[in-house]
Amino acid sequence: MAADHCANGSPAPAPAVAPAELVRIATAGSVDDGKSTLIGRLLYDSKQIFEDQLEHVEAASRRRGDGYVNLALLTDGLRAER
């Protein structure tokens, strides 16, 4: 029996995603469509932001007068973003 099938012939369940697995995401859109905000939010919701990074973004958001934590600042200006 092939490794991708169970003993009863049914397809084997998909392997669980390892917590440290790299996920690549590409976005496309016009200026101010929210691409950086989306990626920042995904990083925040998946708990992939270090505490000091979040503190820096919070401080930068206050300095800019945003009135909210601007998660787009996590990626804005990064070389990989361009």
PDB file of N, CA and C in Angstrom:
ATOM      1  N   MET A   1       0.861  -1.178   0.000  1.00  0.00           N
ATOM      2  CA  MET A   1       0.000   0.000   0.000  1.00  0.00           C
ATOM      3  C   MET A   1       0.901   1.233   0.000  1.00  0.00           C
ATOM      4  N   ALA A   2       0.557   2.239  -0.748  1.00  0.00           N
ATOM      5  CA  ALA A   2       1.347   3.472  -0.835  1.00  0.00           C
ATOM      6  C   ALA A   2       1.299   4.215   0.488  1.00  0.00           C
ATOM      7  N   ALA A   3       2.342   4.984   0.754  1.00  0.00           N
ATOM      8  CA  ALA A   3       2.450   5.728   2.012  1.00  0.00           C
ATOM      9  C   ALA A   3       1.376   6.805   2.139  1.00  0.00           C
ATOM     10  N   ASP A   4       0.765   7.190   1.025  1.00  0.00           N
ATOM     11  CA  ASP A   4      -0.247   8.235   1.088  1.00  0.00           C
ATOM     12  C   ASP A   4      -1.659   7.671   1.262  1.00  0.00           C
ATOM     13  N   HIS A   5      -1.739   6.374   1.603  1.00  0.00           N
ATOM     14  CA  HIS A   5      -3.025   5.743   1.849  1.00  0.00           C
ATOM     15  C   HIS A   5      -2.965   4.941   3.140  1.00  0.00           C
ATOM     16  N   CYS A   6      -4.130   4.840   3.815  1.00  0.00           N
ATOM     17  CA  CYS A   6      -4.238   4.048   5.033  1.00  0.00           C
ATOM     18  C   CYS A   6      -4.365   2.571   4.656  1.00  0.00           C
ATOM     19  N   ALA A   7      -4.300   1.706   5.650  1.00  0.00           N
ATOM     20  CA  ALA A   7      -4.386   0.264   5.432  1.00  0.00           C
ATOM     21  C   ALA A   7      -5.699  -0.130   4.753  1.00  0.00           C
ATOM     22  N   ASN A   8      -6.763   0.627   5.013  1.00  0.00           N
ATOM     23  CA  ASN A   8      -8.057   0.295   4.408  1.00  0.00           C
ATOM     24  C   ASN A   8      -8.214   0.863   3.000  1.00  0.00           C
ATOM     25  N   GLY A   9      -7.153   1.506   2.464  1.00  0.00           N
ATOM     26  CA  GLY A   9      -7.184   2.014   1.110  1.00  0.00           C
ATOM     27  C   GLY A   9      -7.635   3.456   0.993  1.00  0.00           C
ATOM     28  N   SER A  10      -8.153   4.012   2.093  1.00  0.00           N
ATOM     29  CA  SER A  10      -8.591   5.410   2.023  1.00  0.00           C
ATOM     30  C   SER A  10      -7.376   6.346   2.090  1.00  0.00           C
ATOM     31  N   PRO A  11      -7.501   7.535   1.563  1.00  0.00           N
ATOM     32  CA  PRO A  11      -6.365   8.471   1.600  1.00  0.00           C
ATOM     33  C   PRO A  11      -5.940   8.774   3.033  1.00  0.00           C
ATOM     34  N   ALA A  12      -4.649   8.880   3.223  1.00  0.00           N
ATOM     35  CA  ALA A  12      -4.119   9.218   4.546  1.00  0.00           C
ATOM     36  C   ALA A  12      -4.463  10.669   4.858  1.00  0.00           C
ATOM     37  N   PRO A  13      -4.728  10.970   6.136  1.00  0.00           N
ATOM     38  CA  PRO A  13      -5.021  12.360   6.486  1.00  0.00           C
ATOM     39  C   PRO A  13      -3.798  13.232   6.221  1.00  0.00           C
ATOM     40  N   ALA A  14      -4.053  14.484   5.899  1.00  0.00           N
ATOM     41  CA  ALA A  14      -2.954  15.423   5.655  1.00  0.00           C
ATOM     42  C   ALA A  14      -2.157  15.604   6.945  1.00  0.00           C
ATOM     43  N   PRO A  15      -0.839  15.705   6.829  1.00  0.00           N
ATOM     44  CA  PRO A  15      -0.034  15.900   8.030  1.00  0.00           C
ATOM     45  C   PRO A  15      -0.333  17.257   8.654  1.00  0.00           C
ATOM     46  N   ALA A  16      -0.232  17.318   9.973  1.00  0.00           N
ATOM     47  CA  ALA A  16      -0.444  18.586  10.673  1.00  0.00           C
ATOM     48  C   ALA A  16       0.691  19.541  10.331  1.00  0.00           C
ATOM     49  N   VAL A  17       0.379  20.813  10.279  1.00  0.00           N
ATOM     50  CA  VAL A  17       1.393  21.823   9.982  1.00  0.00           C
ATOM     51  C   VAL A  17       2.244  22.040  11.219  1.00  0.00           C
ATOM     52  N   ALA A  18       3.540  21.951  11.050  1.00  0.00           N
ATOM     53  CA  ALA A  18       4.453  22.182  12.168  1.00  0.00           C
ATOM     54  C   ALA A  18       4.399  23.646  12.565  1.00  0.00           C
ATOM     55  N   PRO A  19       4.430  23.960  13.862  1.00  0.00           N
ATOM     56  CA  PRO A  19       4.324  25.346  14.303  1.00  0.00           C
ATOM     57  C   PRO A  19       5.413  26.252  13.730  1.00  0.00           C
ATOM     58  N   ALA A  20       6.577  25.727  13.454  1.00  0.00           N
ATOM     59  CA  ALA A  20       7.685  26.560  12.988  1.00  0.00           C
ATOM     60  C   ALA A  20       7.783  26.591  11.460  1.00  0.00           C
ATOM     61  N   GLU A  21       6.811  26.013  10.768  1.00  0.00           N
ATOM     62  CA  GLU A  21       6.871  25.968   9.313  1.00  0.00           C
ATOM     63  C   GLU A  21       6.726  27.369   8.719  1.00  0.00           C
ATOM     64  N   LEU A  22       7.515  27.647   7.720  1.00  0.00           N
ATOM     65  CA  LEU A  22       7.501  28.933   7.049  1.00  0.00           C
ATOM     66  C   LEU A  22       6.315  29.022   6.108  1.00  0.00           C
ATOM     67  N   VAL A  23       5.589  30.112   6.179  1.00  0.00           N
ATOM     68  CA  VAL A  23       4.468  30.361   5.291  1.00  0.00           C
ATOM     69  C   VAL A  23       4.792  31.626   4.511  1.00  0.00           C
ATOM     70  N   ARG A  24       4.769  31.533   3.209  1.00  0.00           N
ATOM     71  CA  ARG A  24       5.029  32.700   2.362  1.00  0.00           C
ATOM     72  C   ARG A  24       3.696  33.240   1.859  1.00  0.00           C
ATOM     73  N   ILE A  25       3.536  34.551   1.981  1.00  0.00           N
ATOM     74  CA  ILE A  25       2.297  35.195   1.563  1.00  0.00           C
ATOM     75  C   ILE A  25       2.652  36.334   0.617  1.00  0.00           C
ATOM     76  N   ALA A  26       1.958  36.406  -0.473  1.00  0.00           N
ATOM     77  CA  ALA A  26       2.134  37.515  -1.408  1.00  0.00           C
ATOM     78  C   ALA A  26       0.817  38.275  -1.486  1.00  0.00           C
ATOM     79  N   THR A  27       0.910  39.588  -1.524  1.00  0.00           N
ATOM     80  CA  THR A  27      -0.280  40.407  -1.684  1.00  0.00           C
ATOM     81  C   THR A  27      -0.092  41.307  -2.898  1.00  0.00           C
ATOM     82  N   ALA A  28      -1.174  41.713  -3.468  1.00  0.00           N
ATOM     83  CA  ALA A  28      -1.134  42.640  -4.590  1.00  0.00           C
ATOM     84  C   ALA A  28      -2.286  43.611  -4.435  1.00  0.00           C
ATOM     85  N   GLY A  29      -2.048  44.831  -4.783  1.00  0.00           N
ATOM     86  CA  GLY A  29      -3.101  45.831  -4.693  1.00  0.00           C
ATOM     87  C   GLY A  29      -2.525  47.206  -4.888  1.00  0.00           C
ATOM     88  N   SER A  30      -3.403  48.151  -4.952  1.00  0.00           N
ATOM     89  CA  SER A  30      -3.007  49.545  -5.126  1.00  0.00           C
ATOM     90  C   SER A  30      -2.538  50.126  -3.797  1.00  0.00           C
ATOM     91  N   VAL A  31      -1.976  51.334  -3.875  1.00  0.00           N
ATOM     92  CA  VAL A  31      -1.544  52.039  -2.677  1.00  0.00           C
ATOM     93  C   VAL A  31      -2.749  52.221  -1.748  1.00  0.00           C
ATOM     94  N   ASP A  32      -2.532  52.032  -0.460  1.00  0.00           N
ATOM     95  CA  ASP A  32      -3.563  52.207   0.575  1.00  0.00           C
ATOM     96  C   ASP A  32      -4.716  51.217   0.491  1.00  0.00           C
ATOM     97  N   ASP A  33      -4.468  50.041  -0.087  1.00  0.00           N
ATOM     98  CA  ASP A  33      -5.496  48.997  -0.094  1.00  0.00           C
ATOM     99  C   ASP A  33      -5.498  48.170   1.191  1.00  0.00           C
ATOM    100  N   GLY A  34      -4.477  48.338   2.043  1.00  0.00           N
ATOM    101  CA  GLY A  34      -4.434  47.618   3.309  1.00  0.00           C
ATOM    102  C   GLY A  34      -3.566  46.377   3.299  1.00  0.00           C
ATOM    103  N   LYS A  35      -2.658  46.262   2.353  1.00  0.00           N
ATOM    104  CA  LYS A  35      -1.803  45.069   2.259  1.00  0.00           C
ATOM    105  C   LYS A  35      -0.926  44.915   3.507  1.00  0.00           C
ATOM    106  N   SER A  36      -0.246  45.983   3.901  1.00  0.00           N
ATOM    107  CA  SER A  36       0.626  45.917   5.076  1.00  0.00           C
ATOM    108  C   SER A  36      -0.183  45.704   6.344  1.00  0.00           C
ATOM    109  N   THR A  37      -1.342  46.320   6.425  1.00  0.00           N
ATOM    110  CA  THR A  37      -2.204  46.141   7.595  1.00  0.00           C
ATOM    111  C   THR A  37      -2.654  44.688   7.700  1.00  0.00           C
ATOM    112  N   LEU A  38      -3.007  44.080   6.576  1.00  0.00           N
ATOM    113  CA  LEU A  38      -3.414  42.673   6.567  1.00  0.00           C
ATOM    114  C   LEU A  38      -2.291  41.778   7.073  1.00  0.00           C
ATOM    115  N   ILE A  39      -1.085  41.952   6.534  1.00  0.00           N
ATOM    116  CA  ILE A  39       0.044  41.117   6.955  1.00  0.00           C
ATOM    117  C   ILE A  39       0.366  41.366   8.426  1.00  0.00           C
ATOM    118  N   GLY A  40       0.350  42.627   8.837  1.00  0.00           N
ATOM    119  CA  GLY A  40       0.589  42.944  10.245  1.00  0.00           C
ATOM    120  C   GLY A  40      -0.426  42.287  11.154  1.00  0.00           C
ATOM    121  N   ARG A  41      -1.678  42.300  10.727  1.00  0.00           N
ATOM    122  CA  ARG A  41      -2.737  41.678  11.528  1.00  0.00           C
ATOM    123  C   ARG A  41      -2.578  40.163  11.593  1.00  0.00           C
ATOM    124  N   LEU A  42      -2.200  39.557  10.478  1.00  0.00           N
ATOM    125  CA  LEU A  42      -1.960  38.110  10.478  1.00  0.00           C
ATOM    126  C   LEU A  42      -0.814  37.752  11.421  1.00  0.00           C
ATOM    127  N   LEU A  43       0.249  38.543  11.402  1.00  0.00           N
ATOM    128  CA  LEU A  43       1.376  38.313  12.315  1.00  0.00           C
ATOM    129  C   LEU A  43       0.931  38.470  13.765  1.00  0.00           C
ATOM    130  N   TYR A  44       0.158  39.497  14.039  1.00  0.00           N
ATOM    131  CA  TYR A  44      -0.324  39.751  15.398  1.00  0.00           C
ATOM    132  C   TYR A  44      -1.242  38.629  15.875  1.00  0.00           C
ATOM    133  N   ASP A  45      -2.228  38.266  15.059  1.00  0.00           N
ATOM    134  CA  ASP A  45      -3.193  37.232  15.450  1.00  0.00           C
ATOM    135  C   ASP A  45      -2.550  35.864  15.622  1.00  0.00           C
ATOM    136  N   SER A  46      -1.486  35.604  14.876  1.00  0.00           N
ATOM    137  CA  SER A  46      -0.803  34.307  14.989  1.00  0.00           C
ATOM    138  C   SER A  46       0.317  34.332  16.023  1.00  0.00           C
ATOM    139  N   LYS A  47       0.397  35.441  16.763  1.00  0.00           N
ATOM    140  CA  LYS A  47       1.378  35.595  17.854  1.00  0.00           C
ATOM    141  C   LYS A  47       2.814  35.427  17.366  1.00  0.00           C
ATOM    142  N   GLN A  48       3.106  36.002  16.203  1.00  0.00           N
ATOM    143  CA  GLN A  48       4.439  35.912  15.612  1.00  0.00           C
ATOM    144  C   GLN A  48       5.230  37.210  15.777  1.00  0.00           C
ATOM    145  N   ILE A  49       4.740  38.105  16.629  1.00  0.00           N
ATOM    146  CA  ILE A  49       5.423  39.375  16.871  1.00  0.00           C
ATOM    147  C   ILE A  49       6.058  39.314  18.249  1.00  0.00           C
ATOM    148  N   PHE A  50       7.330  39.662  18.325  1.00  0.00           N
ATOM    149  CA  PHE A  50       8.000  39.719  19.618  1.00  0.00           C
ATOM    150  C   PHE A  50       7.446  40.898  20.411  1.00  0.00           C
ATOM    151  N   GLU A  51       7.467  40.773  21.729  1.00  0.00           N
ATOM    152  CA  GLU A  51       6.922  41.816  22.593  1.00  0.00           C
ATOM    153  C   GLU A  51       7.589  43.167  22.338  1.00  0.00           C
ATOM    154  N   ASP A  52       8.920  43.163  22.152  1.00  0.00           N
ATOM    155  CA  ASP A  52       9.605  44.439  21.917  1.00  0.00           C
ATOM    156  C   ASP A  52       9.219  45.047  20.566  1.00  0.00           C
ATOM    157  N   GLN A  53       8.922  44.216  19.576  1.00  0.00           N
ATOM    158  CA  GLN A  53       8.463  44.734  18.284  1.00  0.00           C
ATOM    159  C   GLN A  53       7.108  45.423  18.435  1.00  0.00           C
ATOM    160  N   LEU A  54       6.211  44.774  19.180  1.00  0.00           N
ATOM    161  CA  LEU A  54       4.888  45.345  19.387  1.00  0.00           C
ATOM    162  C   LEU A  54       4.993  46.652  20.168  1.00  0.00           C
ATOM    163  N   GLU A  55       5.857  46.687  21.182  1.00  0.00           N
ATOM    164  CA  GLU A  55       6.050  47.923  21.943  1.00  0.00           C
ATOM    165  C   GLU A  55       6.558  49.040  21.038  1.00  0.00           C
ATOM    166  N   HIS A  56       7.471  48.714  20.136  1.00  0.00           N
ATOM    167  CA  HIS A  56       7.993  49.709  19.197  1.00  0.00           C
ATOM    168  C   HIS A  56       6.885  50.227  18.274  1.00  0.00           C
ATOM    169  N   VAL A  57       6.053  49.336  17.765  1.00  0.00           N
ATOM    170  CA  VAL A  57       4.955  49.732  16.884  1.00  0.00           C
ATOM    171  C   VAL A  57       3.947  50.587  17.657  1.00  0.00           C
ATOM    172  N   GLU A  58       3.667  50.216  18.900  1.00  0.00           N
ATOM    173  CA  GLU A  58       2.745  51.014  19.718  1.00  0.00           C
ATOM    174  C   GLU A  58       3.291  52.425  19.908  1.00  0.00           C
ATOM    175  N   ALA A  59       4.590  52.528  20.228  1.00  0.00           N
ATOM    176  CA  ALA A  59       5.218  53.837  20.439  1.00  0.00           C
ATOM    177  C   ALA A  59       5.218  54.653  19.145  1.00  0.00           C
ATOM    178  N   ALA A  60       5.560  54.010  18.035  1.00  0.00           N
ATOM    179  CA  ALA A  60       5.574  54.703  16.746  1.00  0.00           C
ATOM    180  C   ALA A  60       4.169  55.168  16.368  1.00  0.00           C
ATOM    181  N   SER A  61       3.166  54.369  16.672  1.00  0.00           N
ATOM    182  CA  SER A  61       1.777  54.749  16.386  1.00  0.00           C
ATOM    183  C   SER A  61       1.391  55.981  17.199  1.00  0.00           C
ATOM    184  N   ARG A  62       1.793  56.019  18.486  1.00  0.00           N
ATOM    185  CA  ARG A  62       1.506  57.194  19.323  1.00  0.00           C
ATOM    186  C   ARG A  62       2.211  58.430  18.774  1.00  0.00           C
ATOM    187  N   ARG A  63       3.495  58.288  18.390  1.00  0.00           N
ATOM    188  CA  ARG A  63       4.250  59.424  17.848  1.00  0.00           C
ATOM    189  C   ARG A  63       3.603  59.976  16.583  1.00  0.00           C
ATOM    190  N   ARG A  64       3.070  59.098  15.778  1.00  0.00           N
ATOM    191  CA  ARG A  64       2.432  59.509  14.520  1.00  0.00           C
ATOM    192  C   ARG A  64       1.039  60.084  14.756  1.00  0.00           C
ATOM    193  N   GLY A  65       0.504  59.889  15.976  1.00  0.00           N
ATOM    194  CA  GLY A  65      -0.840  60.375  16.288  1.00  0.00           C
ATOM    195  C   GLY A  65      -1.934  59.532  15.671  1.00  0.00           C
ATOM    196  N   ASP A  66      -1.648  58.251  15.439  1.00  0.00           N
ATOM    197  CA  ASP A  66      -2.623  57.374  14.793  1.00  0.00           C
ATOM    198  C   ASP A  66      -3.870  57.121  15.645  1.00  0.00           C
ATOM    199  N   GLY A  67      -3.725  57.112  16.974  1.00  0.00           N
ATOM    200  CA  GLY A  67      -4.873  56.832  17.829  1.00  0.00           C
ATOM    201  C   GLY A  67      -5.217  55.356  17.918  1.00  0.00           C
ATOM    202  N   TYR A  68      -4.422  54.513  17.315  1.00  0.00           N
ATOM    203  CA  TYR A  68      -4.596  53.058  17.351  1.00  0.00           C
ATOM    204  C   TYR A  68      -3.235  52.431  17.076  1.00  0.00           C
ATOM    205  N   VAL A  69      -3.098  51.146  17.360  1.00  0.00           N
ATOM    206  CA  VAL A  69      -1.849  50.452  17.051  1.00  0.00           C
ATOM    207  C   VAL A  69      -1.856  50.151  15.558  1.00  0.00           C
ATOM    208  N   ASN A  70      -0.986  50.818  14.833  1.00  0.00           N
ATOM    209  CA  ASN A  70      -0.929  50.692  13.379  1.00  0.00           C
ATOM    210  C   ASN A  70      -0.059  49.494  13.012  1.00  0.00           C
ATOM    211  N   LEU A  71      -0.686  48.335  12.846  1.00  0.00           N
ATOM    212  CA  LEU A  71       0.047  47.102  12.568  1.00  0.00           C
ATOM    213  C   LEU A  71       0.730  47.116  11.205  1.00  0.00           C
ATOM    214  N   ALA A  72       0.350  48.032  10.329  1.00  0.00           N
ATOM    215  CA  ALA A  72       1.027  48.164   9.036  1.00  0.00           C
ATOM    216  C   ALA A  72       2.485  48.555   9.230  1.00  0.00           C
ATOM    217  N   LEU A  73       2.802  49.190  10.356  1.00  0.00           N
ATOM    218  CA  LEU A  73       4.181  49.611  10.618  1.00  0.00           C
ATOM    219  C   LEU A  73       5.125  48.423  10.792  1.00  0.00           C
ATOM    220  N   LEU A  74       4.573  47.237  11.030  1.00  0.00           N
ATOM    221  CA  LEU A  74       5.419  46.035  11.134  1.00  0.00           C
ATOM    222  C   LEU A  74       6.118  45.725   9.825  1.00  0.00           C
ATOM    223  N   THR A  75       5.464  46.036   8.709  1.00  0.00           N
ATOM    224  CA  THR A  75       6.046  45.686   7.413  1.00  0.00           C
ATOM    225  C   THR A  75       6.382  46.878   6.542  1.00  0.00           C
ATOM    226  N   ASP A  76       5.752  48.025   6.754  1.00  0.00           N
ATOM    227  CA  ASP A  76       6.019  49.188   5.905  1.00  0.00           C
ATOM    228  C   ASP A  76       7.495  49.531   5.904  1.00  0.00           C
ATOM    229  N   GLY A  77       8.049  49.690   4.722  1.00  0.00           N
ATOM    230  CA  GLY A  77       9.453  50.075   4.585  1.00  0.00           C
ATOM    231  C   GLY A  77      10.428  48.921   4.530  1.00  0.00           C
ATOM    232  N   LEU A  78       9.961  47.704   4.748  1.00  0.00           N
ATOM    233  CA  LEU A  78      10.872  46.550   4.667  1.00  0.00           C
ATOM    234  C   LEU A  78      11.283  46.319   3.208  1.00  0.00           C
ATOM    235  N   ARG A  79      12.514  45.958   3.003  1.00  0.00           N
ATOM    236  CA  ARG A  79      13.022  45.688   1.651  1.00  0.00           C
ATOM    237  C   ARG A  79      12.191  44.589   0.975  1.00  0.00           C
ATOM    238  N   ALA A  80      11.820  43.545   1.723  1.00  0.00           N
ATOM    239  CA  ALA A  80      11.050  42.436   1.150  1.00  0.00           C
ATOM    240  C   ALA A  80       9.667  42.895   0.707  1.00  0.00           C
ATOM    241  N   GLU A  81       9.142  43.941   1.329  1.00  0.00           N
ATOM    242  CA  GLU A  81       7.822  44.419   0.957  1.00  0.00           C
ATOM    243  C   GLU A  81       7.842  45.061  -0.426  1.00  0.00           C
ATOM    244  N   ARG A  82       8.927  45.740  -0.740  1.00  0.00           N
ATOM    245  CA  ARG A  82       9.026  46.421  -2.032  1.00  0.00           C
ATOM    246  C   ARG A  82       9.236  45.394  -3.113  1.00  0.00           C
TER     247      ARG A  82
END
